Protein backbone atom coordinates (compact mmCIF):
# COMPACT_ATOMS: atom_id res chain seq x y z
CA MET A 1 -106.55 -10.16 84.32
CA LYS A 2 -110.27 -9.60 84.06
CA LYS A 3 -111.97 -11.67 81.37
CA ASN A 4 -113.29 -9.65 78.46
CA MET A 5 -114.35 -12.39 76.03
CA GLY A 6 -117.71 -14.08 75.97
CA SER A 7 -118.48 -17.68 75.06
CA ALA A 8 -119.48 -16.96 71.48
CA ASP A 9 -116.30 -14.96 70.85
CA ARG A 10 -114.15 -17.74 72.29
CA ILE A 11 -115.86 -20.45 70.21
CA ILE A 12 -115.55 -18.41 67.01
CA ARG A 13 -111.82 -17.92 67.63
CA LEU A 14 -111.32 -21.64 68.25
CA VAL A 15 -113.16 -22.53 65.03
CA ILE A 16 -111.11 -20.03 63.01
CA ALA A 17 -107.89 -21.39 64.54
CA ALA A 18 -108.90 -24.96 63.70
CA VAL A 19 -109.71 -24.04 60.08
CA ILE A 20 -106.37 -22.26 59.67
CA ALA A 21 -104.49 -25.23 61.17
CA ILE A 22 -106.28 -27.69 58.89
CA LEU A 23 -105.56 -25.56 55.82
CA PHE A 24 -101.90 -25.24 56.81
CA PHE A 25 -101.31 -28.93 57.49
CA THR A 26 -103.07 -29.99 54.27
CA ASN A 27 -100.81 -27.59 52.32
CA VAL A 28 -103.63 -25.38 51.08
CA ILE A 29 -101.87 -22.35 52.57
CA THR A 30 -98.07 -22.45 52.54
CA GLY A 31 -95.01 -20.29 52.80
CA THR A 32 -94.73 -17.11 54.80
CA LEU A 33 -98.47 -16.46 54.76
CA GLY A 34 -99.11 -19.94 56.12
CA ILE A 35 -96.65 -19.49 58.96
CA ILE A 36 -98.08 -16.08 59.87
CA LEU A 37 -101.63 -17.46 59.87
CA LEU A 38 -100.53 -20.47 61.95
CA ILE A 39 -99.01 -18.13 64.55
CA LEU A 40 -102.21 -16.07 64.51
CA SER A 41 -104.26 -19.21 65.09
CA GLY A 42 -102.01 -20.02 68.07
CA VAL A 43 -102.76 -16.58 69.50
CA PHE A 44 -106.48 -17.18 68.93
CA VAL A 45 -106.31 -20.47 70.84
CA LEU A 46 -104.35 -18.89 73.69
CA THR A 47 -106.72 -15.93 74.08
CA SER A 48 -109.72 -18.26 73.87
CA LEU A 49 -108.41 -20.47 76.64
CA VAL A 50 -107.53 -17.51 78.88
CA GLY A 51 -110.69 -15.53 78.04
CA PHE A 52 -108.77 -12.26 77.75
CA CYS A 53 -107.85 -10.31 74.62
CA PRO A 54 -105.35 -7.46 75.12
CA LEU A 55 -106.49 -5.75 71.90
CA TYR A 56 -109.94 -5.23 73.41
CA LEU A 57 -108.59 -2.97 76.18
CA PRO A 58 -107.70 0.17 74.16
CA PHE A 59 -111.04 0.03 72.35
CA GLY A 60 -113.12 -0.77 75.44
CA PHE A 61 -114.63 -3.95 73.99
CA ASN A 62 -116.13 -6.52 76.33
CA THR A 63 -118.09 -9.46 74.95
CA CYS A 64 -118.76 -11.09 78.33
CA ALA A 65 -122.33 -11.44 79.46
CA LYS A 66 -123.31 -8.82 82.01
CA LYS A 67 -123.94 -10.10 85.51
CA GLU A 68 -127.11 -8.78 87.06
């Protein structure tokens, strides 16, 4: 797997995942929507740690810095 996520993209995903988790565990978001968002935040954390997003492939996105 070739990395296709840059540092800024990874940090933004981690921040969004943390905000969703905090909102879920403080009962601001609940029910089915809360569970779906919590699963999405887990995916964000996983893709941030790996540095690869499979949804970027079909669209040709690559947020990594170019090596010169």
